[in-house]
N, C-alpha and C. Protein backbone atom coordinates (compact mmCIF):
# COMPACT_ATOMS: atom_id res chain seq x y z
N MET A 1 4.85 -2.69 -12.55
CA MET A 1 5.04 -3.26 -11.22
C MET A 1 6.35 -4.05 -11.15
N GLU A 2 6.61 -4.84 -12.16
CA GLU A 2 7.84 -5.63 -12.19
C GLU A 2 9.06 -4.72 -12.22
N ARG A 3 8.91 -3.60 -12.89
CA ARG A 3 10.00 -2.64 -12.98
C ARG A 3 10.32 -2.06 -11.59
N LYS A 4 9.27 -1.78 -10.81
CA LYS A 4 9.48 -1.27 -9.45
C LYS A 4 10.17 -2.30 -8.58
N LEU A 5 9.77 -3.57 -8.73
CA LEU A 5 10.39 -4.63 -7.95
C LEU A 5 11.86 -4.77 -8.28
N ARG A 6 12.19 -4.69 -9.56
CA ARG A 6 13.60 -4.76 -9.95
C ARG A 6 14.38 -3.59 -9.37
N TYR A 7 13.76 -2.40 -9.44
CA TYR A 7 14.42 -1.21 -8.90
C TYR A 7 14.68 -1.38 -7.40
N LEU A 8 13.67 -1.83 -6.66
CA LEU A 8 13.83 -2.04 -5.21
C LEU A 8 14.89 -3.09 -4.92
N ASP A 9 14.89 -4.15 -5.69
CA ASP A 9 15.90 -5.20 -5.51
C ASP A 9 17.29 -4.64 -5.74
N GLU A 10 17.45 -3.82 -6.76
CA GLU A 10 18.75 -3.21 -7.04
C GLU A 10 19.17 -2.28 -5.90
N GLU A 11 18.22 -1.50 -5.38
CA GLU A 11 18.53 -0.59 -4.29
C GLU A 11 18.94 -1.36 -3.03
N LEU A 12 18.27 -2.47 -2.76
CA LEU A 12 18.63 -3.29 -1.62
C LEU A 12 20.03 -3.86 -1.77
N GLN A 13 20.36 -4.27 -2.99
CA GLN A 13 21.71 -4.80 -3.22
C GLN A 13 22.76 -3.72 -3.05
N LYS A 14 22.45 -2.51 -3.52
CA LYS A 14 23.38 -1.39 -3.36
C LYS A 14 23.61 -1.09 -1.88
N ALA A 15 22.54 -1.16 -1.10
CA ALA A 15 22.63 -0.86 0.33
C ALA A 15 23.17 -2.03 1.12
N GLU A 16 23.42 -3.12 0.44
CA GLU A 16 23.94 -4.35 1.05
C GLU A 16 23.02 -4.87 2.17
N ILE A 17 21.71 -4.73 1.95
CA ILE A 17 20.73 -5.27 2.89
C ILE A 17 20.40 -6.68 2.43
N PRO A 18 20.58 -7.66 3.31
CA PRO A 18 20.30 -9.03 2.89
C PRO A 18 18.81 -9.24 2.64
N VAL A 19 18.54 -9.92 1.55
CA VAL A 19 17.16 -10.24 1.21
C VAL A 19 16.93 -11.70 1.54
N ILE A 20 15.90 -11.99 2.35
CA ILE A 20 15.61 -13.36 2.75
C ILE A 20 14.72 -14.00 1.69
N ASP A 21 15.13 -15.16 1.25
CA ASP A 21 14.33 -15.91 0.29
C ASP A 21 13.08 -16.41 1.01
N ASN A 22 11.93 -16.30 0.38
CA ASN A 22 10.67 -16.70 1.01
C ASN A 22 10.61 -18.19 1.32
N ASN A 23 11.44 -18.98 0.69
CA ASN A 23 11.39 -20.42 0.87
C ASN A 23 12.21 -20.91 2.06
N GLU A 24 13.00 -20.03 2.63
CA GLU A 24 13.81 -20.47 3.77
C GLU A 24 13.51 -19.61 4.99
N SER A 25 13.51 -20.23 6.15
CA SER A 25 13.25 -19.52 7.40
C SER A 25 14.57 -19.11 8.03
N PRO A 26 14.59 -17.92 8.66
CA PRO A 26 15.82 -17.53 9.33
C PRO A 26 16.03 -18.38 10.58
N GLU A 27 17.28 -18.50 10.97
CA GLU A 27 17.61 -19.29 12.16
C GLU A 27 17.14 -18.56 13.41
N ALA A 28 16.54 -19.30 14.32
CA ALA A 28 16.08 -18.70 15.58
C ALA A 28 17.28 -18.47 16.48
N PRO A 29 17.29 -17.34 17.21
CA PRO A 29 18.41 -17.11 18.13
C PRO A 29 18.34 -18.05 19.32
N LEU A 30 19.48 -18.30 19.91
CA LEU A 30 19.54 -19.12 21.11
C LEU A 30 18.91 -18.38 22.27
N PRO A 31 18.33 -19.11 23.24
CA PRO A 31 17.70 -18.44 24.39
C PRO A 31 18.61 -17.46 25.11
N LYS A 32 19.89 -17.81 25.23
CA LYS A 32 20.80 -16.89 25.93
C LYS A 32 21.01 -15.60 25.15
N GLU A 33 20.80 -15.65 23.83
CA GLU A 33 20.92 -14.45 23.01
C GLU A 33 19.68 -13.58 23.09
N THR A 34 18.54 -14.19 23.43
CA THR A 34 17.29 -13.42 23.47
C THR A 34 17.10 -12.67 24.78
N LEU A 35 17.73 -13.11 25.86
CA LEU A 35 17.56 -12.44 27.15
C LEU A 35 17.95 -10.97 27.12
N PRO A 36 19.12 -10.62 26.59
CA PRO A 36 19.46 -9.19 26.53
C PRO A 36 18.48 -8.41 25.65
N LEU A 37 18.02 -9.03 24.58
CA LEU A 37 17.06 -8.37 23.71
C LEU A 37 15.73 -8.12 24.43
N GLU A 38 15.29 -9.12 25.20
CA GLU A 38 14.05 -8.96 25.96
C GLU A 38 14.20 -7.86 27.01
N ASN A 39 15.35 -7.82 27.67
CA ASN A 39 15.59 -6.77 28.66
C ASN A 39 15.58 -5.39 28.02
N ASP A 40 16.23 -5.28 26.87
CA ASP A 40 16.24 -4.01 26.14
C ASP A 40 14.82 -3.62 25.74
N LEU A 41 14.06 -4.59 25.27
CA LEU A 41 12.69 -4.33 24.85
C LEU A 41 11.84 -3.84 26.02
N GLU A 42 11.98 -4.48 27.18
CA GLU A 42 11.24 -4.05 28.36
C GLU A 42 11.61 -2.62 28.75
N GLN A 43 12.88 -2.32 28.68
CA GLN A 43 13.36 -0.98 29.01
C GLN A 43 12.79 0.04 28.03
N LEU A 44 12.80 -0.29 26.76
CA LEU A 44 12.26 0.62 25.75
C LEU A 44 10.75 0.81 25.91
N GLU A 45 10.05 -0.26 26.25
CA GLU A 45 8.60 -0.15 26.49
C GLU A 45 8.33 0.80 27.66
N LYS A 46 9.11 0.66 28.71
CA LYS A 46 8.95 1.52 29.89
C LYS A 46 9.19 2.98 29.50
N GLN A 47 10.25 3.21 28.74
CA GLN A 47 10.58 4.57 28.32
C GLN A 47 9.49 5.14 27.41
N MET A 48 8.94 4.31 26.54
CA MET A 48 7.87 4.77 25.65
C MET A 48 6.62 5.14 26.45
N ARG A 49 6.30 4.36 27.47
CA ARG A 49 5.16 4.70 28.33
C ARG A 49 5.39 6.05 29.01
N GLU A 50 6.61 6.25 29.51
CA GLU A 50 6.93 7.53 30.15
C GLU A 50 6.83 8.69 29.16
N VAL A 51 7.32 8.48 27.97
CA VAL A 51 7.25 9.52 26.94
C VAL A 51 5.80 9.84 26.61
N SER A 52 4.97 8.81 26.50
CA SER A 52 3.55 9.03 26.21
C SER A 52 2.87 9.80 27.33
N GLN A 53 3.17 9.43 28.57
CA GLN A 53 2.59 10.15 29.71
C GLN A 53 3.05 11.61 29.74
N ASN A 54 4.33 11.81 29.46
CA ASN A 54 4.86 13.17 29.42
C ASN A 54 4.20 13.99 28.31
N GLN A 55 4.00 13.36 27.17
CA GLN A 55 3.36 14.05 26.05
C GLN A 55 1.93 14.44 26.41
N GLU A 56 1.20 13.54 27.05
CA GLU A 56 -0.16 13.85 27.48
C GLU A 56 -0.17 15.03 28.45
N GLN A 57 0.74 15.00 29.41
CA GLN A 57 0.81 16.09 30.39
C GLN A 57 1.17 17.40 29.72
N LEU A 58 2.11 17.37 28.79
CA LEU A 58 2.48 18.59 28.07
C LEU A 58 1.29 19.14 27.27
N ASN A 59 0.53 18.25 26.65
CA ASN A 59 -0.65 18.69 25.90
C ASN A 59 -1.68 19.33 26.83
N LYS A 60 -1.89 18.74 28.01
CA LYS A 60 -2.83 19.31 28.98
C LYS A 60 -2.34 20.68 29.44
N ASN A 61 -1.04 20.77 29.73
CA ASN A 61 -0.47 22.05 30.17
C ASN A 61 -0.63 23.12 29.09
N PHE A 62 -0.37 22.73 27.86
CA PHE A 62 -0.49 23.68 26.74
C PHE A 62 -1.91 24.18 26.61
N LEU A 63 -2.87 23.26 26.69
CA LEU A 63 -4.28 23.64 26.59
C LEU A 63 -4.67 24.58 27.74
N GLU A 64 -4.24 24.24 28.92
CA GLU A 64 -4.54 25.07 30.10
C GLU A 64 -3.94 26.47 29.96
N LEU A 65 -2.71 26.55 29.51
CA LEU A 65 -2.06 27.86 29.33
C LEU A 65 -2.71 28.65 28.21
N THR A 66 -3.12 27.97 27.17
CA THR A 66 -3.80 28.66 26.07
C THR A 66 -5.13 29.24 26.54
N GLU A 67 -5.87 28.46 27.31
CA GLU A 67 -7.14 28.95 27.86
C GLU A 67 -6.90 30.14 28.78
N LEU A 68 -5.89 30.03 29.62
CA LEU A 68 -5.57 31.11 30.54
C LEU A 68 -5.19 32.38 29.78
N LYS A 69 -4.44 32.24 28.74
CA LYS A 69 -4.03 33.37 27.92
C LYS A 69 -5.26 34.08 27.34
N HIS A 70 -6.23 33.31 26.85
CA HIS A 70 -7.43 33.91 26.27
C HIS A 70 -8.29 34.57 27.35
N VAL A 71 -8.35 33.96 28.51
CA VAL A 71 -9.12 34.55 29.62
C VAL A 71 -8.49 35.88 30.04
N LEU A 72 -7.17 35.89 30.16
CA LEU A 72 -6.47 37.12 30.55
C LEU A 72 -6.64 38.22 29.50
N ARG A 73 -6.63 37.88 28.26
CA ARG A 73 -6.83 38.87 27.19
C ARG A 73 -8.21 39.49 27.30
N LYS A 74 -9.23 38.66 27.56
CA LYS A 74 -10.60 39.18 27.65
C LYS A 74 -10.77 40.08 28.86
N THR A 75 -10.08 39.76 29.96
CA THR A 75 -10.22 40.60 31.15
C THR A 75 -9.49 41.92 31.00
N GLN A 76 -8.48 41.97 30.14
CA GLN A 76 -7.71 43.20 29.94
C GLN A 76 -8.41 44.15 28.97
N VAL A 77 -9.29 43.63 28.16
CA VAL A 77 -9.95 44.48 27.14
C VAL A 77 -11.01 45.32 27.72
C-alpha cells in the first residue's frame, strides 16, 4: 500500500499537480470571483438537463422504431 502511495505521489509530481497538505485549508475565493463560476455552473446544469431530456427522448424513439421494425417484419412474413 505504501508503495502505491509513493508511486501516486511521484506521478502527481511529474504531472505538476499541486498536492494540498491535509493540515492546511485552501484559501476561499472572493465573492466577486465566485459569481462567474456560479453563472457557469448554472449554465452547465441547464445544458445537462437538456442533454438528459434529449437522451430520454432518443431512447423512447429508438424503442418505438425497434418495435415498429419488428411489427413490420411480422406483417411481411
